[in-house]
Protein backbone atom coordinates (compact mmCIF):
# COMPACT_ATOMS: atom_id res chain seq x y z
CA UNK A 1 0.00 0.00 0.00
CA UNK A 2 1.12 3.51 -0.65
CA UNK A 3 0.06 7.04 -1.49
CA UNK A 4 0.69 7.69 -5.17
CA UNK A 5 3.23 10.05 -6.69
CA UNK A 6 2.71 13.78 -6.04
CA UNK A 7 0.47 13.18 -3.01
CA UNK A 8 1.81 13.27 0.54
CA UNK A 9 -1.41 12.62 2.47
CA UNK A 10 -1.30 9.49 4.59
CA UNK A 11 -3.81 9.58 7.42
CA UNK A 12 -6.32 7.36 5.62
CA UNK A 13 -3.59 5.04 4.35
CA UNK A 14 -2.19 4.72 7.85
CA UNK A 15 -5.62 3.82 9.22
CA UNK A 16 -5.98 1.10 6.57
CA UNK A 17 -2.50 -0.24 7.38
CA UNK A 18 -3.30 -0.38 11.10
CA UNK A 19 -6.62 -2.16 10.53
CA UNK A 20 -5.08 -4.65 8.08
CA UNK A 21 -2.25 -5.49 10.47
CA UNK A 22 -4.75 -5.81 13.32
CA UNK A 23 -6.72 -8.27 11.21
CA UNK A 24 -3.64 -10.43 10.63
CA UNK A 25 -2.50 -9.28 7.20
CA UNK A 26 1.15 -8.77 6.33
CA UNK A 27 1.41 -5.22 5.04
CA UNK A 28 4.18 -3.42 3.19
CA UNK A 29 3.69 0.32 3.60
CA UNK A 30 5.59 2.16 0.88
CA UNK A 31 4.74 5.57 2.31
CA UNK A 32 3.79 8.67 0.36
CA UNK A 33 4.68 10.20 -3.01
CA UNK A 34 5.39 6.71 -4.36
CA UNK A 35 6.23 6.47 -8.08
CA UNK A 36 4.64 3.75 -10.22
CA UNK A 37 8.01 2.05 -10.67
CA UNK A 38 8.30 1.45 -6.92
CA UNK A 39 4.88 -0.20 -6.76
CA UNK A 40 5.77 -2.46 -9.71
CA UNK A 41 9.19 -3.34 -8.29
CA UNK A 42 7.64 -4.23 -4.93
CA UNK A 43 5.01 -6.48 -6.54
CA UNK A 44 7.79 -8.23 -8.50
CA UNK A 45 9.94 -8.71 -5.40
CA UNK A 46 7.22 -9.80 -2.99
CA UNK A 47 4.58 -11.48 -5.12
CA UNK A 48 1.93 -9.50 -3.24
CA UNK A 49 -1.58 -10.38 -4.37
CA UNK A 50 -3.19 -7.08 -3.39
CA UNK A 51 -2.03 -3.50 -3.99
CA UNK A 52 -3.60 -0.52 -2.28
CA UNK A 53 -3.29 2.89 -3.92
CA UNK A 54 -4.23 5.94 -1.88
CA UNK A 55 -4.83 9.51 -3.03
CA UNK A 56 -6.39 12.58 -1.51
CA UNK A 57 -5.63 14.98 -4.36
CA UNK A 58 -7.77 14.50 -7.45
CA UNK A 59 -4.99 15.55 -9.80
CA UNK A 60 -3.13 12.36 -8.86
CA UNK A 61 -5.72 10.07 -10.47
CA UNK A 62 -3.46 9.74 -13.54
CA UNK A 63 -0.70 8.53 -11.20
CA UNK A 64 -3.02 5.74 -10.04
CA UNK A 65 -3.73 4.83 -13.66
CA UNK A 66 0.01 4.84 -14.40
CA UNK A 67 0.57 2.24 -11.67
CA UNK A 68 -2.10 -0.05 -13.14
CA UNK A 69 -0.76 0.49 -16.67
CA UNK A 70 2.82 -0.28 -15.58
CA UNK A 71 1.67 -3.45 -13.81
CA UNK A 72 0.10 -4.54 -17.10
CA UNK A 73 3.22 -3.63 -19.09
CA UNK A 74 5.33 -5.68 -16.67
CA UNK A 75 3.01 -8.69 -17.10
CA UNK A 76 1.90 -8.53 -13.47
CA UNK A 77 -1.65 -7.24 -13.78
CA UNK A 78 -3.31 -10.66 -13.67
CA UNK A 79 -1.57 -11.65 -10.43
CA UNK A 80 -2.50 -8.62 -8.31
CA UNK A 81 -5.81 -7.07 -7.30
CA UNK A 82 -5.68 -3.28 -7.14
CA UNK A 83 -7.74 -1.35 -4.59
CA UNK A 84 -7.97 2.43 -4.74
CA UNK A 85 -9.09 4.69 -1.95
CA UNK A 86 -9.13 8.25 -0.74
CA UNK A 87 -11.78 10.90 -0.23
CA UNK A 88 -12.14 12.00 -3.88
CA UNK A 89 -12.18 8.46 -5.30
CA UNK A 90 -15.41 7.11 -6.73
CA UNK A 91 -16.57 4.48 -9.21
CA UNK A 92 -15.71 6.72 -12.15
CA UNK A 93 -12.14 7.03 -10.87
CA UNK A 94 -11.93 3.26 -10.36
CA UNK A 95 -12.94 2.73 -13.97
CA UNK A 96 -10.51 5.40 -15.22
CA UNK A 97 -7.58 3.87 -13.34
CA UNK A 98 -8.44 0.27 -14.20
CA UNK A 99 -8.40 -0.73 -10.52
CA UNK A 100 -10.34 -3.79 -9.43
CA UNK A 101 -11.93 -2.31 -6.32
CA UNK A 102 -12.86 0.99 -4.71
CA UNK A 103 -12.69 1.33 -0.93
CA UNK A 104 -14.66 4.36 0.24
CA UNK A 105 -13.37 3.90 3.79
CA UNK A 106 -10.81 1.89 5.73
CA UNK A 107 -13.26 -0.79 6.92
CA UNK A 108 -14.36 -1.41 3.34
CA UNK A 109 -10.72 -1.82 2.31
CA UNK A 110 -10.20 -4.45 5.01
CA UNK A 111 -13.38 -6.27 3.98
CA UNK A 112 -12.24 -6.32 0.35
CA UNK A 113 -8.94 -7.88 1.41
CA UNK A 114 -10.76 -10.46 3.51
CA UNK A 115 -12.90 -11.30 0.48
CA UNK A 116 -9.86 -11.61 -1.80
CA UNK A 117 -8.09 -13.92 0.66
CA UNK A 118 -11.21 -15.87 1.63
CA UNK A 119 -11.12 -14.72 5.25
CA UNK A 120 -14.80 -13.89 5.63
C-alpha cells in the first residue's frame, strides 16, 4: 500500500495499514509520493496479491492509472488485485484507473482484502 506520486497525504492510508495489520494481514507500507516504478518493483519482489493505492488529491488520479498500466506492461496485472481509496475516489475514478476495487473507507478496504483472501 502507498500514497501515489505527487500526493503526501497518509492519514487514511495509515488507518488502513493499522486495521489490516490488526486483522492479521502482512502489510508493506511504501509511504507517500510513491512512483509507479516502486509499486511495480515491490510487486515483482514480494509477489503480493493485493495492492492498495491511496490519493487525496484528485490531480493524482493519472498517477493511479500509471501504476495499473505499468503493472500490465510488466506482465503482473493478472496476479495482483488493485484497490484504490481516498476521499475523492469514486466508481468513475476506479474505472478510469483500471483498478479492481474501490474502498470508500478503511473498513471497506479491510473487507475487500478479507474477500480476496477468503477470510470472511
